[in-house]
Amino acid sequence: MAKLETEPVTVSLADTNTLAALRKNASGKFRLVNFWATWCAPCVAEFDELVTINRMYRHREFELVTVSMNRPDEEKAVLEFLKKKAASGRNLLFASPDRDALINAFDPAWQGEVPYTVLIDSDGKIVYSEKGSIDPLRFRRTIVNSMNEKKPW
């Protein structure tokens, strides 16, 4: 655990092109995308579970990408939160206060409520999505079953 706590934690700004590419998922991996914000109590409450999920599956063809819906001028507070949570996966922050354009770039059907969690398979198909808090056990089972369908462990 001490080694995990020392991994570097960063945050990058995400524009509409970044979010469209995130949704397309040309990575060849399963991609778990979680939209959250520091002002969202359910987001903060489930964040530790997402970090744990990333640590459990990142050695397979899996990646976690967190996307903070905070304003770009809140980057320092977002990074501080991510470091506190040892979130060493890929972390993004909305690059513009124009939230609608950014939300629509990822999923036009999504209304922008958080938390919003999406599991995208290696072919770009949404395998699972949840608006609101996730059920961690059910979610882990979905991840494992989905990955095993593509490539058994």
C-alpha atoms as a PDB file:
ATOM      1  CA  MET A   1       0.000   0.000   0.000  1.00  0.00           C
ATOM      2  CA  ALA A   2       2.856   2.381   0.750  1.00  0.00           C
ATOM      3  CA  LYS A   3       4.193   1.907  -2.783  1.00  0.00           C
ATOM      4  CA  LEU A   4       0.769   2.652  -4.280  1.00  0.00           C
ATOM      5  CA  GLU A   5       0.513   5.831  -2.218  1.00  0.00           C
ATOM      6  CA  THR A   6       3.737   7.147  -3.813  1.00  0.00           C
ATOM      7  CA  GLU A   7       2.625   6.808  -7.453  1.00  0.00           C
ATOM      8  CA  PRO A   8       2.414  10.163  -9.241  1.00  0.00           C
ATOM      9  CA  VAL A   9      -0.997  11.821  -9.443  1.00  0.00           C
ATOM     10  CA  THR A  10      -1.745  14.347 -12.172  1.00  0.00           C
ATOM     11  CA  VAL A  11      -4.702  16.058 -13.778  1.00  0.00           C
ATOM     12  CA  SER A  12      -5.005  17.321 -17.369  1.00  0.00           C
ATOM     13  CA  LEU A  13      -7.548  19.590 -18.985  1.00  0.00           C
ATOM     14  CA  ALA A  14     -10.099  17.897 -21.252  1.00  0.00           C
ATOM     15  CA  ASP A  15     -11.694  19.711 -24.172  1.00  0.00           C
ATOM     16  CA  THR A  16     -14.472  18.446 -26.459  1.00  0.00           C
ATOM     17  CA  ASN A  17     -11.999  16.532 -28.663  1.00  0.00           C
ATOM     18  CA  THR A  18     -10.533  14.783 -25.615  1.00  0.00           C
ATOM     19  CA  LEU A  19     -13.980  13.742 -24.395  1.00  0.00           C
ATOM     20  CA  ALA A  20     -15.109  12.532 -27.828  1.00  0.00           C
ATOM     21  CA  ALA A  21     -11.958  10.403 -28.101  1.00  0.00           C
ATOM     22  CA  LEU A  22     -12.488   9.144 -24.558  1.00  0.00           C
ATOM     23  CA  ARG A  23     -15.956   7.917 -25.508  1.00  0.00           C
ATOM     24  CA  LYS A  24     -14.776   6.356 -28.776  1.00  0.00           C
ATOM     25  CA  ASN A  25     -12.155   4.328 -26.874  1.00  0.00           C
ATOM     26  CA  ALA A  26      -9.487   3.434 -29.381  1.00  0.00           C
ATOM     27  CA  SER A  27      -7.215   2.258 -26.536  1.00  0.00           C
ATOM     28  CA  GLY A  28      -7.833  -1.466 -27.056  1.00  0.00           C
ATOM     29  CA  LYS A  29      -8.624  -1.708 -23.336  1.00  0.00           C
ATOM     30  CA  PHE A  30     -11.754  -1.696 -21.252  1.00  0.00           C
ATOM     31  CA  ARG A  31     -12.193   1.877 -20.122  1.00  0.00           C
ATOM     32  CA  LEU A  32     -14.006   2.887 -16.972  1.00  0.00           C
ATOM     33  CA  VAL A  33     -14.932   6.570 -17.104  1.00  0.00           C
ATOM     34  CA  ASN A  34     -16.230   8.290 -14.003  1.00  0.00           C
ATOM     35  CA  PHE A  35     -17.558  11.851 -14.104  1.00  0.00           C
ATOM     36  CA  TRP A  36     -17.453  13.465 -10.682  1.00  0.00           C
ATOM     37  CA  ALA A  37     -16.945  16.766  -8.872  1.00  0.00           C
ATOM     38  CA  THR A  38     -15.475  17.842  -5.551  1.00  0.00           C
ATOM     39  CA  TRP A  39     -18.811  19.495  -4.672  1.00  0.00           C
ATOM     40  CA  CYS A  40     -20.746  16.235  -5.203  1.00  0.00           C
ATOM     41  CA  ALA A  41     -21.109  14.256  -1.951  1.00  0.00           C
ATOM     42  CA  PRO A  42     -21.980  10.897  -3.609  1.00  0.00           C
ATOM     43  CA  CYS A  43     -18.993  11.342  -5.971  1.00  0.00           C
ATOM     44  CA  VAL A  44     -16.612  11.884  -3.083  1.00  0.00           C
ATOM     45  CA  ALA A  45     -18.133   8.976  -1.150  1.00  0.00           C
ATOM     46  CA  GLU A  46     -17.572   6.443  -3.952  1.00  0.00           C
ATOM     47  CA  PHE A  47     -14.178   7.713  -5.119  1.00  0.00           C
ATOM     48  CA  ASP A  48     -12.125   5.387  -2.903  1.00  0.00           C
ATOM     49  CA  GLU A  49     -13.957   2.422  -4.418  1.00  0.00           C
ATOM     50  CA  LEU A  50     -13.055   3.570  -7.928  1.00  0.00           C
ATOM     51  CA  VAL A  51      -9.382   3.830  -6.954  1.00  0.00           C
ATOM     52  CA  THR A  52      -9.580   0.298  -5.543  1.00  0.00           C
ATOM     53  CA  ILE A  53     -11.215  -0.996  -8.733  1.00  0.00           C
ATOM     54  CA  ASN A  54      -8.426   0.577 -10.766  1.00  0.00           C
ATOM     55  CA  ARG A  55      -5.803  -1.108  -8.608  1.00  0.00           C
ATOM     56  CA  MET A  56      -7.575  -4.459  -8.921  1.00  0.00           C
ATOM     57  CA  TYR A  57      -7.852  -4.522 -12.716  1.00  0.00           C
ATOM     58  CA  ARG A  58      -5.197  -2.215 -14.152  1.00  0.00           C
ATOM     59  CA  HIS A  59      -2.846  -5.144 -14.744  1.00  0.00           C
ATOM     60  CA  ARG A  60      -5.290  -6.458 -17.301  1.00  0.00           C
ATOM     61  CA  GLU A  61      -6.494  -4.587 -20.376  1.00  0.00           C
ATOM     62  CA  PHE A  62      -8.289  -2.016 -18.242  1.00  0.00           C
ATOM     63  CA  GLU A  63      -7.968   1.669 -17.452  1.00  0.00           C
ATOM     64  CA  LEU A  64      -9.769   4.096 -15.187  1.00  0.00           C
ATOM     65  CA  VAL A  65     -10.265   7.662 -16.348  1.00  0.00           C
ATOM     66  CA  THR A  66     -11.782  10.147 -13.929  1.00  0.00           C
ATOM     67  CA  VAL A  67     -13.245  13.366 -15.294  1.00  0.00           C
ATOM     68  CA  SER A  68     -13.863  16.192 -12.865  1.00  0.00           C
ATOM     69  CA  MET A  69     -16.702  18.498 -13.803  1.00  0.00           C
ATOM     70  CA  ASN A  70     -15.272  21.272 -11.654  1.00  0.00           C
ATOM     71  CA  ARG A  71     -14.427  24.561 -13.357  1.00  0.00           C
ATOM     72  CA  PRO A  72     -10.920  24.867 -14.846  1.00  0.00           C
ATOM     73  CA  ASP A  73      -9.989  27.495 -12.254  1.00  0.00           C
ATOM     74  CA  GLU A  74     -10.509  24.840  -9.546  1.00  0.00           C
ATOM     75  CA  GLU A  75      -7.661  22.696 -10.878  1.00  0.00           C
ATOM     76  CA  LYS A  76      -5.573  23.115  -7.714  1.00  0.00           C
ATOM     77  CA  ALA A  77      -8.403  21.878  -5.459  1.00  0.00           C
ATOM     78  CA  VAL A  78      -9.133  18.956  -7.814  1.00  0.00           C
ATOM     79  CA  LEU A  79      -5.474  17.905  -7.872  1.00  0.00           C
ATOM     80  CA  GLU A  80      -5.277  18.164  -4.093  1.00  0.00           C
ATOM     81  CA  PHE A  81      -8.305  15.866  -3.772  1.00  0.00           C
ATOM     82  CA  LEU A  82      -6.859  13.376  -6.284  1.00  0.00           C
ATOM     83  CA  LYS A  83      -3.537  13.282  -4.440  1.00  0.00           C
ATOM     84  CA  LYS A  84      -5.315  12.741  -1.117  1.00  0.00           C
ATOM     85  CA  LYS A  85      -7.102   9.757  -2.697  1.00  0.00           C
ATOM     86  CA  ALA A  86      -3.881   8.482  -4.388  1.00  0.00           C
ATOM     87  CA  ALA A  87      -5.726   8.424  -7.716  1.00  0.00           C
ATOM     88  CA  SER A  88      -2.782   7.577  -9.948  1.00  0.00           C
ATOM     89  CA  GLY A  89      -4.863   6.669 -12.993  1.00  0.00           C
ATOM     90  CA  ARG A  90      -5.648   9.099 -15.800  1.00  0.00           C
ATOM     91  CA  ASN A  91      -7.412  12.153 -14.370  1.00  0.00           C
ATOM     92  CA  LEU A  92      -9.061  14.881 -16.425  1.00  0.00           C
ATOM     93  CA  LEU A  93     -10.738  18.185 -15.617  1.00  0.00           C
ATOM     94  CA  PHE A  94     -13.251  20.074 -17.767  1.00  0.00           C
ATOM     95  CA  ALA A  95     -11.200  22.606 -19.747  1.00  0.00           C
ATOM     96  CA  SER A  96     -14.066  25.047 -20.143  1.00  0.00           C
ATOM     97  CA  PRO A  97     -16.952  26.407 -18.089  1.00  0.00           C
ATOM     98  CA  ASP A  98     -19.176  25.508 -21.097  1.00  0.00           C
ATOM     99  CA  ARG A  99     -20.276  22.247 -19.513  1.00  0.00           C
ATOM    100  CA  ASP A 100     -22.971  21.493 -22.095  1.00  0.00           C
ATOM    101  CA  ALA A 101     -20.502  21.290 -24.982  1.00  0.00           C
ATOM    102  CA  LEU A 102     -18.222  19.016 -22.965  1.00  0.00           C
ATOM    103  CA  ILE A 103     -21.072  16.772 -21.809  1.00  0.00           C
ATOM    104  CA  ASN A 104     -22.435  16.466 -25.349  1.00  0.00           C
ATOM    105  CA  ALA A 105     -18.986  15.592 -26.696  1.00  0.00           C
ATOM    106  CA  PHE A 106     -19.001  12.474 -24.511  1.00  0.00           C
ATOM    107  CA  ASP A 107     -22.690  11.509 -24.540  1.00  0.00           C
ATOM    108  CA  PRO A 108     -25.455  13.744 -25.953  1.00  0.00           C
ATOM    109  CA  ALA A 109     -28.102  11.671 -24.125  1.00  0.00           C
ATOM    110  CA  TRP A 110     -26.506  12.378 -20.740  1.00  0.00           C
ATOM    111  CA  GLN A 111     -27.944  15.377 -18.896  1.00  0.00           C
ATOM    112  CA  GLY A 112     -24.814  16.069 -16.840  1.00  0.00           C
ATOM    113  CA  GLU A 113     -25.816  14.603 -13.489  1.00  0.00           C
ATOM    114  CA  VAL A 114     -22.982  13.199 -11.360  1.00  0.00           C
ATOM    115  CA  PRO A 115     -21.710  10.778 -10.491  1.00  0.00           C
ATOM    116  CA  TYR A 116     -21.926   9.201 -13.936  1.00  0.00           C
ATOM    117  CA  THR A 117     -19.951   6.030 -14.539  1.00  0.00           C
ATOM    118  CA  VAL A 118     -19.517   4.267 -17.871  1.00  0.00           C
ATOM    119  CA  LEU A 119     -17.695   1.043 -18.746  1.00  0.00           C
ATOM    120  CA  ILE A 120     -16.670   0.965 -22.413  1.00  0.00           C
ATOM    121  CA  ASP A 121     -15.309  -2.224 -23.940  1.00  0.00           C
ATOM    122  CA  SER A 122     -12.271  -2.449 -26.192  1.00  0.00           C
ATOM    123  CA  ASP A 123     -14.512  -2.048 -29.257  1.00  0.00           C
ATOM    124  CA  GLY A 124     -16.053   1.211 -28.008  1.00  0.00           C
ATOM    125  CA  LYS A 125     -19.373  -0.338 -26.928  1.00  0.00           C
ATOM    126  CA  ILE A 126     -20.896   0.801 -23.637  1.00  0.00           C
ATOM    127  CA  VAL A 127     -21.145  -2.312 -21.494  1.00  0.00           C
ATOM    128  CA  TYR A 128     -22.470  -0.609 -18.372  1.00  0.00           C
ATOM    129  CA  SER A 129     -23.501   2.864 -17.300  1.00  0.00           C
ATOM    130  CA  GLU A 130     -24.792   4.211 -14.031  1.00  0.00           C
ATOM    131  CA  LYS A 131     -26.194   7.646 -13.274  1.00  0.00           C
ATOM    132  CA  GLY A 132     -25.782   8.044  -9.547  1.00  0.00           C
ATOM    133  CA  SER A 133     -23.722   5.966  -7.162  1.00  0.00           C
ATOM    134  CA  ILE A 134     -22.497   2.539  -8.202  1.00  0.00           C
ATOM    135  CA  ASP A 135     -23.026  -0.718  -6.343  1.00  0.00           C
ATOM    136  CA  PRO A 136     -19.338  -1.680  -5.964  1.00  0.00           C
ATOM    137  CA  LEU A 137     -19.752  -5.459  -5.825  1.00  0.00           C
ATOM    138  CA  ARG A 138     -22.173  -5.611  -8.748  1.00  0.00           C
ATOM    139  CA  PHE A 139     -19.950  -3.261 -10.694  1.00  0.00           C
ATOM    140  CA  ARG A 140     -16.801  -5.349 -10.101  1.00  0.00           C
ATOM    141  CA  ARG A 141     -18.660  -8.449 -11.250  1.00  0.00           C
ATOM    142  CA  THR A 142     -19.740  -6.637 -14.415  1.00  0.00           C
ATOM    143  CA  ILE A 143     -16.148  -5.609 -15.119  1.00  0.00           C
ATOM    144  CA  VAL A 144     -14.758  -9.120 -14.599  1.00  0.00           C
ATOM    145  CA  ASN A 145     -17.497 -10.815 -16.603  1.00  0.00           C
ATOM    146  CA  SER A 146     -17.150  -8.329 -19.466  1.00  0.00           C
ATOM    147  CA  MET A 147     -13.381  -8.635 -19.609  1.00  0.00           C
ATOM    148  CA  ASN A 148     -13.531 -12.432 -19.399  1.00  0.00           C
ATOM    149  CA  GLU A 149     -15.959 -12.561 -22.337  1.00  0.00           C
ATOM    150  CA  LYS A 150     -13.350 -10.799 -24.489  1.00  0.00           C
ATOM    151  CA  LYS A 151     -10.215 -12.363 -23.076  1.00  0.00           C
ATOM    152  CA  PRO A 152     -10.367 -14.832 -20.189  1.00  0.00           C
ATOM    153  CA  TRP A 153      -7.871 -14.204 -17.413  1.00  0.00           C
END
